[in-house]
Amino acid sequence: MNKSFILFPILTLLLICSSCNDEWTEEQFENYISFKAPVTSEGVSNIYIRYKGDEKTIFQQPLIVSGSTTNARDRTVHVAVDPDTLEVLNYEHFQNREDFYYRELDSEYYTIPSTVEIKAGENTSLMAIDFTLKDIDMVDKWVLPLTIEDDPSYDYVANPRKHYRKALLRIHPFNDYSGTYSGTALKTVMEGYEDETPIVKADIRAYVVDENTVFFYAGNIDEDRQDRRNYKVYATFSDMGAVSFHADNPDMKFQVNRDASYTITEQMDEVRPYLLHRYLTINNIDYQFSDYTMVPGVDINYKVSGSLILERQLNTQIPDEDQAIEW
């Protein structure tokens, strides 16, 4: 057999392989700068901030450099607040229901840097956002809308895709008692119709007021009511296991009929031994209130009784509390 016929395909294969190896020494994709802020079906990125009153809490927002090779340059990324994108999102999702609109977080509640440094040899960096959430009213849905600014003079290119260049951070402050409670054991009945089937809500959301207080909406009132802010019921938790309820709207005619209490129990997961289940149960809930706006000029009185249960699942292997809780 002629050896030249064997040598030719071998040389061809070596040339192809050499070409392939050289190809991966060079950048295959543009080094775009992006936020790492996954978007929910509501068009925002949920973040959870431990409520500390007037004390500062730091949230680290990641930025990333895309591409097939390691970032080779020092880059100074310019960031800014972006109310225009939030305005577009609100109309796309809610049209004329302005009471459902996300509200831009007031500047008194946060501080952001104007630039973020990404060093050569690194493809990620963290943008430190300082939150101070004292007196924030969680009746409104607060969002901090951010964008990566782009300019020919900058040493980077912002990702052209909206959901990578933008970060619409939905703010969820939390304390030890806030979150979504199971409401299946809490019954709401109309006064005079106690023998009828009670109103039961599967979930009841409790929102942060301060370190030891949350609020939820009375009885069958929920987040869909345009006048929901008129029906806030506050629950304050003491270190001794007591829960006190009150309302600040006299038109509700709110009245507590029985002292409430709470208990906390913990249990490790049987399948995932690193996962801690923490259950907070509010017992002996018993109050009444008046819905005075559903029918103009008519007060509809309700009685509410039963219990609520909040479950939190905590990954004990993660030191950062906001990351350890499986939201």
Protein backbone atom coordinates (compact mmCIF):
# COMPACT_ATOMS: atom_id res chain seq x y z
CA MET A 1 0.00 0.00 0.00
CA ASN A 2 1.22 3.51 -0.82
CA LYS A 3 2.13 5.20 2.49
CA SER A 4 1.29 8.63 1.04
CA PHE A 5 -2.40 7.68 1.00
CA ILE A 6 -2.24 6.92 4.74
CA LEU A 7 -0.28 10.05 5.61
CA PHE A 8 -2.64 12.44 3.83
CA PRO A 9 -5.77 11.88 5.99
CA ILE A 10 -3.65 11.95 9.15
CA LEU A 11 -2.23 15.36 8.24
CA THR A 12 -5.70 16.62 7.37
CA LEU A 13 -7.04 15.49 10.77
CA LEU A 14 -4.17 17.16 12.59
CA LEU A 15 -4.82 20.44 10.77
CA ILE A 16 -8.53 20.31 11.67
CA CYS A 17 -7.80 19.58 15.33
CA SER A 18 -5.22 22.35 15.45
CA SER A 19 -7.78 24.75 14.00
CA CYS A 20 -10.34 23.71 16.63
CA ASN A 21 -7.88 24.24 19.48
CA ASP A 22 -6.93 27.69 18.21
CA GLU A 23 -10.58 28.65 17.90
CA TRP A 24 -11.19 28.28 21.65
CA THR A 25 -8.26 30.51 22.59
CA GLU A 26 -10.22 33.50 21.30
CA GLU A 27 -13.50 35.04 22.46
CA GLN A 28 -16.52 33.44 20.83
CA PHE A 29 -19.23 35.65 22.31
CA GLU A 30 -19.48 39.34 23.17
CA ASN A 31 -18.43 40.31 26.70
CA TYR A 32 -21.78 41.76 27.69
CA ILE A 33 -22.36 43.05 31.23
CA SER A 34 -25.57 41.80 32.85
CA PHE A 35 -27.42 41.72 36.15
CA LYS A 36 -28.10 38.31 37.64
CA ALA A 37 -31.73 38.94 38.62
CA PRO A 38 -34.07 36.11 37.53
CA VAL A 39 -37.52 37.39 36.58
CA THR A 40 -40.75 35.87 37.92
CA SER A 41 -44.00 35.57 35.98
CA GLU A 42 -44.87 39.01 37.36
CA GLY A 43 -41.88 40.55 35.60
CA VAL A 44 -39.84 41.34 38.74
CA SER A 45 -37.02 39.73 40.72
CA ASN A 46 -37.92 38.96 44.34
CA ILE A 47 -35.33 39.81 46.99
CA TYR A 48 -35.69 39.34 50.76
CA ILE A 49 -34.25 41.83 53.25
CA ARG A 50 -34.07 41.26 57.00
CA TYR A 51 -35.93 44.17 58.62
CA LYS A 52 -33.70 46.03 61.11
CA GLY A 53 -35.54 49.30 61.64
CA ASP A 54 -33.20 52.24 61.11
CA GLU A 55 -30.18 49.92 60.98
CA LYS A 56 -28.61 49.34 57.57
CA THR A 57 -28.98 45.98 55.82
CA ILE A 58 -26.74 45.17 52.84
CA PHE A 59 -27.97 43.23 49.83
CA GLN A 60 -25.36 42.01 47.33
CA GLN A 61 -26.70 42.22 43.74
CA PRO A 62 -24.55 40.12 41.35
CA LEU A 63 -23.26 41.38 37.99
CA ILE A 64 -21.76 39.03 35.44
CA VAL A 65 -19.56 39.21 32.34
CA SER A 66 -20.74 36.91 29.55
CA GLY A 67 -18.48 35.23 27.01
CA SER A 68 -16.58 32.01 26.35
CA THR A 69 -13.30 33.18 27.89
CA THR A 70 -12.36 34.79 31.19
CA ASN A 71 -12.76 38.55 31.39
CA ALA A 72 -9.35 40.00 30.59
CA ARG A 73 -9.89 43.66 31.52
CA ASP A 74 -10.67 45.82 34.52
CA ARG A 75 -14.13 47.28 33.94
CA THR A 76 -16.07 50.08 35.63
CA VAL A 77 -19.79 49.42 35.26
CA HIS A 78 -22.17 52.36 35.58
CA VAL A 79 -25.57 51.67 37.17
CA ALA A 80 -28.61 53.88 37.70
CA VAL A 81 -32.24 53.86 38.79
CA ASP A 82 -34.62 53.21 35.87
CA PRO A 83 -38.20 54.39 36.52
CA ASP A 84 -39.15 54.25 32.80
CA THR A 85 -38.91 50.46 32.60
CA LEU A 86 -41.02 50.14 35.76
CA GLU A 87 -43.68 52.37 34.22
CA VAL A 88 -43.83 50.17 31.11
CA LEU A 89 -44.03 47.00 33.20
CA ASN A 90 -46.92 48.37 35.26
CA TYR A 91 -49.03 49.16 32.25
CA GLU A 92 -48.24 45.86 30.51
CA HIS A 93 -49.26 43.82 33.55
CA PHE A 94 -52.04 45.85 35.15
CA GLN A 95 -53.34 48.33 32.54
CA ASN A 96 -55.62 50.77 34.42
CA ARG A 97 -55.60 49.04 37.82
CA GLU A 98 -53.20 51.57 39.28
CA ASP A 99 -53.77 50.24 42.79
CA PHE A 100 -51.93 47.10 41.62
CA TYR A 101 -48.97 49.04 40.23
CA TYR A 102 -45.50 48.46 41.55
CA ARG A 103 -44.18 51.59 43.21
CA GLU A 104 -40.63 52.80 42.83
CA LEU A 105 -38.89 52.46 46.17
CA ASP A 106 -38.40 55.87 47.77
CA SER A 107 -34.78 56.97 47.87
CA GLU A 108 -34.91 57.34 51.67
CA TYR A 109 -34.97 53.54 51.95
CA TYR A 110 -31.80 52.68 50.00
CA THR A 111 -28.39 53.76 48.76
CA ILE A 112 -26.71 52.41 45.62
CA PRO A 113 -23.22 53.00 44.22
CA SER A 114 -22.98 54.80 40.88
CA THR A 115 -20.32 52.37 39.62
CA VAL A 116 -19.28 48.77 40.24
CA GLU A 117 -15.77 47.45 39.56
CA ILE A 118 -15.19 44.11 37.80
CA LYS A 119 -11.54 43.09 37.91
CA ALA A 120 -9.55 41.38 35.17
CA GLY A 121 -9.57 37.63 35.62
CA GLU A 122 -13.04 37.70 37.20
CA ASN A 123 -16.41 37.24 35.50
CA THR A 124 -18.58 38.36 38.39
CA SER A 125 -18.84 41.19 40.88
CA LEU A 126 -21.23 42.22 43.64
CA MET A 127 -23.07 45.52 43.84
CA ALA A 128 -23.70 46.41 47.50
CA ILE A 129 -27.12 48.00 48.03
CA ASP A 130 -27.77 49.50 51.48
CA PHE A 131 -31.37 49.23 52.68
CA THR A 132 -32.85 51.05 55.69
CA LEU A 133 -36.55 50.13 55.76
CA LYS A 134 -37.89 51.72 58.93
CA ASP A 135 -41.55 52.87 58.58
CA ILE A 136 -41.99 51.35 55.11
CA ASP A 137 -45.67 50.62 54.39
CA MET A 138 -46.03 47.23 52.74
CA VAL A 139 -49.57 47.91 51.52
CA ASP A 140 -47.73 49.05 48.39
CA LYS A 141 -45.60 46.75 46.22
CA TRP A 142 -42.16 48.32 46.29
CA VAL A 143 -39.62 47.83 43.49
CA LEU A 144 -36.10 49.19 43.04
CA PRO A 145 -35.64 49.40 39.23
CA LEU A 146 -32.01 49.36 38.09
CA THR A 147 -30.28 49.52 34.73
CA ILE A 148 -26.75 49.16 33.42
CA GLU A 149 -25.88 52.34 31.57
CA ASP A 150 -24.22 52.15 28.17
CA ASP A 151 -21.99 54.66 26.42
CA PRO A 152 -19.31 54.37 23.68
CA SER A 153 -16.76 55.80 26.11
CA TYR A 154 -17.26 53.01 28.64
CA ASP A 155 -14.95 49.98 28.81
CA TYR A 156 -17.84 47.52 28.46
CA VAL A 157 -21.04 46.84 26.53
CA ALA A 158 -24.32 46.41 28.41
CA ASN A 159 -26.36 43.36 27.50
CA PRO A 160 -28.90 44.47 24.85
CA ARG A 161 -31.57 42.12 26.22
CA LYS A 162 -33.92 43.92 28.60
CA HIS A 163 -34.15 41.20 31.26
CA TYR A 164 -30.36 41.05 31.57
CA ARG A 165 -29.57 44.73 31.41
CA LYS A 166 -32.37 45.60 33.85
CA ALA A 167 -33.00 44.46 37.41
CA LEU A 168 -36.47 45.15 38.82
CA LEU A 169 -35.90 44.22 42.46
CA ARG A 170 -39.16 43.53 44.32
CA ILE A 171 -38.47 44.32 47.96
CA HIS A 172 -39.68 41.84 50.61
CA PRO A 173 -38.60 42.86 54.11
CA PHE A 174 -39.00 40.06 56.63
CA ASN A 175 -38.88 39.48 60.37
CA ASP A 176 -39.39 36.33 62.46
CA TYR A 177 -43.17 36.49 62.07
CA SER A 178 -43.83 37.65 58.51
CA GLY A 179 -44.68 35.49 55.53
CA THR A 180 -47.52 33.44 54.10
CA TYR A 181 -49.58 31.66 56.73
CA SER A 182 -51.88 28.73 56.12
CA GLY A 183 -55.37 30.14 56.74
CA THR A 184 -57.42 26.94 56.51
CA ALA A 185 -58.03 26.95 60.29
CA LEU A 186 -59.15 30.58 60.43
CA LYS A 187 -62.89 31.10 59.91
CA THR A 188 -64.70 34.30 59.00
CA VAL A 189 -68.48 34.52 59.44
CA MET A 190 -70.96 37.32 58.92
CA GLU A 191 -72.64 38.49 62.10
CA GLY A 192 -76.10 36.91 62.35
CA TYR A 193 -75.13 34.05 60.03
CA GLU A 194 -72.87 32.10 62.37
CA ASP A 195 -74.52 28.80 61.40
CA GLU A 196 -73.73 29.27 57.72
CA THR A 197 -70.59 27.95 56.00
CA PRO A 198 -67.67 30.18 57.07
CA ILE A 199 -65.32 31.98 54.70
CA VAL A 200 -61.88 30.33 54.67
CA LYS A 201 -58.79 31.58 52.82
CA ALA A 202 -56.06 29.11 51.91
CA ASP A 203 -53.26 31.63 52.45
CA ILE A 204 -52.98 34.80 54.50
CA ARG A 205 -49.99 37.07 53.98
CA ALA A 206 -48.45 38.88 56.96
CA TYR A 207 -46.32 41.93 56.15
CA VAL A 208 -43.54 43.54 58.19
CA VAL A 209 -44.31 46.60 60.32
CA ASP A 210 -41.32 46.47 62.68
CA GLU A 211 -39.06 43.85 64.27
CA ASN A 212 -41.88 42.32 66.35
CA THR A 213 -45.03 43.38 64.47
CA VAL A 214 -46.74 42.34 61.24
CA PHE A 215 -50.02 43.30 59.64
CA PHE A 216 -52.51 41.32 57.60
CA TYR A 217 -55.87 42.20 56.10
CA ALA A 218 -58.94 41.59 58.24
CA GLY A 219 -61.19 38.59 57.62
CA ASN A 220 -61.97 38.04 53.96
CA ILE A 221 -60.23 41.24 52.79
CA ASP A 222 -57.30 40.52 50.48
CA GLU A 223 -54.74 42.19 48.22
CA ASP A 224 -57.25 42.56 45.38
CA ARG A 225 -59.36 45.12 47.25
CA GLN A 226 -58.65 48.68 46.13
CA ASP A 227 -59.38 49.93 49.66
CA ARG A 228 -57.32 47.23 51.40
CA ARG A 229 -55.24 49.75 53.35
CA ASN A 230 -58.36 50.57 55.41
CA TYR A 231 -58.46 47.04 56.86
CA LYS A 232 -55.01 46.42 58.30
CA VAL A 233 -54.90 44.32 61.47
CA TYR A 234 -51.64 44.53 63.42
CA ALA A 235 -50.21 41.59 65.37
CA THR A 236 -47.41 42.25 67.87
CA PHE A 237 -45.44 39.29 69.23
CA SER A 238 -43.92 39.35 72.73
CA ASP A 239 -40.99 37.29 74.01
CA MET A 240 -43.38 35.61 76.46
CA GLY A 241 -45.51 33.95 73.74
CA ALA A 242 -48.37 36.46 73.66
CA VAL A 243 -49.82 38.06 70.52
CA SER A 244 -51.74 41.34 70.74
CA PHE A 245 -54.00 42.51 67.91
CA HIS A 246 -55.08 46.06 67.13
CA ALA A 247 -56.19 48.29 64.24
CA ASP A 248 -55.55 51.99 63.69
CA ASN A 249 -58.71 52.69 61.68
CA PRO A 250 -61.66 53.45 64.00
CA ASP A 251 -64.14 53.02 61.11
CA MET A 252 -63.39 49.28 61.18
CA LYS A 253 -64.91 49.04 64.68
CA PHE A 254 -62.23 46.49 65.44
CA GLN A 255 -62.64 44.53 68.67
CA VAL A 256 -60.58 41.71 70.19
CA ASN A 257 -62.64 39.12 72.06
CA ARG A 258 -59.88 36.87 73.39
CA ASP A 259 -56.17 36.94 74.17
CA ALA A 260 -54.07 35.19 71.52
CA SER A 261 -50.77 33.37 71.90
CA TYR A 262 -48.14 31.76 69.69
CA THR A 263 -45.82 28.77 69.76
CA ILE A 264 -42.74 27.85 67.73
CA THR A 265 -41.73 24.25 67.03
CA GLU A 266 -38.84 22.93 64.94
CA GLN A 267 -38.22 19.65 63.15
CA MET A 268 -35.43 18.42 60.88
CA ASP A 269 -36.44 17.07 57.49
CA GLU A 270 -36.46 13.27 57.31
CA VAL A 271 -35.21 13.16 53.70
CA ARG A 272 -32.94 16.21 53.67
CA PRO A 273 -31.23 16.23 57.11
CA TYR A 274 -29.77 19.70 56.59
CA LEU A 275 -33.25 21.24 56.20
CA LEU A 276 -34.94 22.66 59.29
CA HIS A 277 -38.73 23.11 59.38
CA ARG A 278 -39.82 25.89 61.73
CA TYR A 279 -43.53 26.20 62.50
CA LEU A 280 -45.05 29.30 64.08
CA THR A 281 -48.66 28.83 65.20
CA ILE A 282 -50.91 31.71 66.33
CA ASN A 283 -53.60 30.30 68.62
CA ASN A 284 -56.93 31.61 69.94
CA ILE A 285 -57.47 34.30 67.31
CA ASP A 286 -60.84 35.89 68.04
CA TYR A 287 -61.81 39.35 66.79
CA GLN A 288 -64.58 41.18 64.96
CA PHE A 289 -64.64 44.07 62.53
CA SER A 290 -66.90 46.01 60.19
CA ASP A 291 -66.55 46.15 56.41
CA TYR A 292 -67.92 49.65 55.87
CA THR A 293 -66.93 50.24 52.22
CA MET A 294 -68.14 47.17 50.32
CA VAL A 295 -71.72 48.50 50.26
CA PRO A 296 -71.86 52.32 50.56
CA GLY A 297 -73.68 53.40 53.71
CA VAL A 298 -73.94 49.84 55.08
CA ASP A 299 -71.73 48.24 57.73
CA ILE A 300 -71.24 44.49 57.26
CA ASN A 301 -69.99 42.99 60.51
CA TYR A 302 -67.77 39.91 60.65
CA LYS A 303 -66.39 37.62 63.32
CA VAL A 304 -63.02 35.95 62.83
CA SER A 305 -61.75 33.02 64.91
CA GLY A 306 -59.29 30.15 64.73
CA SER A 307 -55.55 29.82 64.20
CA LEU A 308 -52.79 30.49 61.66
CA ILE A 309 -49.65 28.49 60.87
CA LEU A 310 -46.46 29.77 59.25
CA GLU A 311 -43.84 27.30 58.03
CA ARG A 312 -40.28 28.29 57.20
CA GLN A 313 -37.76 25.91 55.70
CA LEU A 314 -34.17 26.79 56.52
CA ASN A 315 -31.09 25.30 54.90
CA THR A 316 -28.73 24.99 57.87
CA GLN A 317 -25.72 24.70 55.53
CA ILE A 318 -26.11 28.29 54.29
CA PRO A 319 -24.86 31.01 56.68
CA ASP A 320 -26.67 33.97 55.09
CA GLU A 321 -30.19 34.07 56.53
CA ASP A 322 -31.95 35.52 53.49
CA GLN A 323 -30.39 32.79 51.33
CA ALA A 324 -30.92 29.99 53.86
CA ILE A 325 -34.69 30.41 53.94
CA GLU A 326 -36.37 28.58 51.07
CA TRP A 327 -38.82 31.23 50.00
